[in-house]
Protein backbone atom coordinates (compact mmCIF):
# COMPACT_ATOMS: atom_id res chain seq x y z
CA UNK A 1 -4.86 -20.85 -14.01
CA UNK A 2 -7.92 -21.30 -16.20
CA UNK A 3 -10.43 -18.45 -16.22
CA UNK A 4 -8.05 -16.12 -14.38
CA UNK A 5 -7.91 -12.37 -15.05
CA UNK A 6 -4.89 -10.26 -14.13
CA UNK A 7 -5.89 -7.46 -11.73
CA UNK A 8 -2.48 -6.01 -10.86
CA UNK A 9 1.15 -6.75 -11.63
CA UNK A 10 4.26 -4.78 -10.75
CA UNK A 11 7.98 -5.46 -10.40
CA UNK A 12 10.69 -3.25 -8.95
CA UNK A 13 14.43 -3.78 -8.77
CA UNK A 14 16.25 -1.81 -6.07
CA UNK A 15 19.80 -0.47 -6.36
CA UNK A 16 20.93 -2.76 -3.52
CA UNK A 17 19.83 -5.87 -5.44
CA UNK A 18 16.45 -6.33 -3.72
CA UNK A 19 13.44 -7.36 -5.77
CA UNK A 20 9.77 -6.57 -5.22
CA UNK A 21 7.06 -8.30 -7.26
CA UNK A 22 3.32 -8.04 -6.86
CA UNK A 23 0.79 -10.14 -8.77
CA UNK A 24 -2.94 -10.28 -8.10
CA UNK A 25 -5.28 -12.38 -10.23
CA UNK A 26 -9.05 -12.73 -10.15
CA UNK A 27 -10.07 -16.40 -10.22
CA UNK A 28 -13.38 -18.15 -10.85
CA UNK A 29 -13.49 -19.85 -7.43
CA UNK A 30 -11.97 -18.90 -4.06
CA UNK A 31 -8.61 -20.43 -3.17
CA UNK A 32 -9.80 -22.48 -0.18
CA UNK A 33 -10.01 -21.48 2.65
CA UNK A 34 -10.01 -17.87 1.37
CA UNK A 35 -13.48 -16.55 0.60
CA UNK A 36 -12.60 -13.86 -1.94
CA UNK A 37 -12.01 -14.43 -5.66
CA UNK A 38 -8.35 -13.40 -5.72
CA UNK A 39 -5.08 -15.32 -5.92
CA UNK A 40 -2.07 -13.20 -5.00
CA UNK A 41 1.63 -13.26 -4.36
CA UNK A 42 3.49 -10.16 -3.17
CA UNK A 43 7.22 -10.73 -2.67
CA UNK A 44 10.13 -8.66 -1.40
CA UNK A 45 13.65 -9.96 -0.90
CA UNK A 46 16.91 -10.79 -2.59
CA UNK A 47 17.72 -13.62 -4.98
CA UNK A 48 17.45 -16.72 -2.79
CA UNK A 49 16.26 -14.76 0.28
CA UNK A 50 12.60 -14.09 1.04
CA UNK A 51 12.09 -11.24 3.52
CA UNK A 52 8.40 -10.44 3.00
CA UNK A 53 5.78 -12.55 1.21
CA UNK A 54 2.01 -12.12 1.26
CA UNK A 55 0.14 -14.93 -0.47
CA UNK A 56 -2.83 -17.21 -0.37
CA UNK A 57 -2.43 -20.83 -1.26
CA UNK A 58 -4.84 -23.73 -1.23
CA UNK A 59 -5.08 -25.21 2.26
CA UNK A 60 -3.46 -22.21 4.01
CA UNK A 61 -5.54 -19.26 2.85
CA UNK A 62 -4.44 -15.66 3.37
CA UNK A 63 -1.14 -15.36 5.21
CA UNK A 64 2.18 -13.55 5.23
CA UNK A 65 5.80 -14.40 5.85
CA UNK A 66 8.03 -11.82 7.53
CA UNK A 67 11.70 -12.81 7.85
CA UNK A 68 10.86 -16.50 8.09
CA UNK A 69 7.89 -16.14 10.45
CA UNK A 70 4.50 -17.09 9.02
CA UNK A 71 1.26 -15.63 10.31
CA UNK A 72 -2.36 -15.39 9.19
CA UNK A 73 -3.38 -12.31 7.26
CA UNK A 74 -6.88 -10.81 7.31
CA UNK A 75 -7.70 -9.87 3.72
CA UNK A 76 -9.93 -6.78 3.47
CA UNK A 77 -9.35 -5.35 -0.03
CA UNK A 78 -6.76 -5.18 -2.79
CA UNK A 79 -5.86 -1.65 -1.74
CA UNK A 80 -5.35 -2.66 1.89
CA UNK A 81 -3.33 -5.73 0.86
CA UNK A 82 -0.91 -3.56 -1.13
CA UNK A 83 -0.73 -0.93 1.66
CA UNK A 84 0.03 -3.56 4.32
CA UNK A 85 2.63 -5.27 2.12
CA UNK A 86 4.39 -2.00 1.27
CA UNK A 87 4.39 -0.97 4.95
CA UNK A 88 6.14 -4.25 5.87
CA UNK A 89 8.62 -3.77 3.02
CA UNK A 90 9.44 -0.26 4.23
CA UNK A 91 9.91 -1.53 7.81
CA UNK A 92 12.30 -4.23 6.58
CA UNK A 93 14.20 -1.83 4.30
CA UNK A 94 14.54 0.63 7.17
CA UNK A 95 16.08 -2.04 9.39
CA UNK A 96 18.66 -3.30 6.88
């Protein structure tokens, strides 16, 4: 990604083999149809199994995947994005 600036990056490996990665990058132009200047991917799952994913991709905009179900996500701020993602991760971990 040309002209991108890393805002936040984190990775956590859980004792049960789960992986959580969060990457948020500031970009020069919005990822259409998003209106903000961020490109992000926040993932939680196991190798080969996606349980929670928040991302914004060209053509889809802000959305999330929870156990295979995709739904729109209303982006408010980086802080809120991380809070919402972590809340979904904790819900999933509590139900395993």
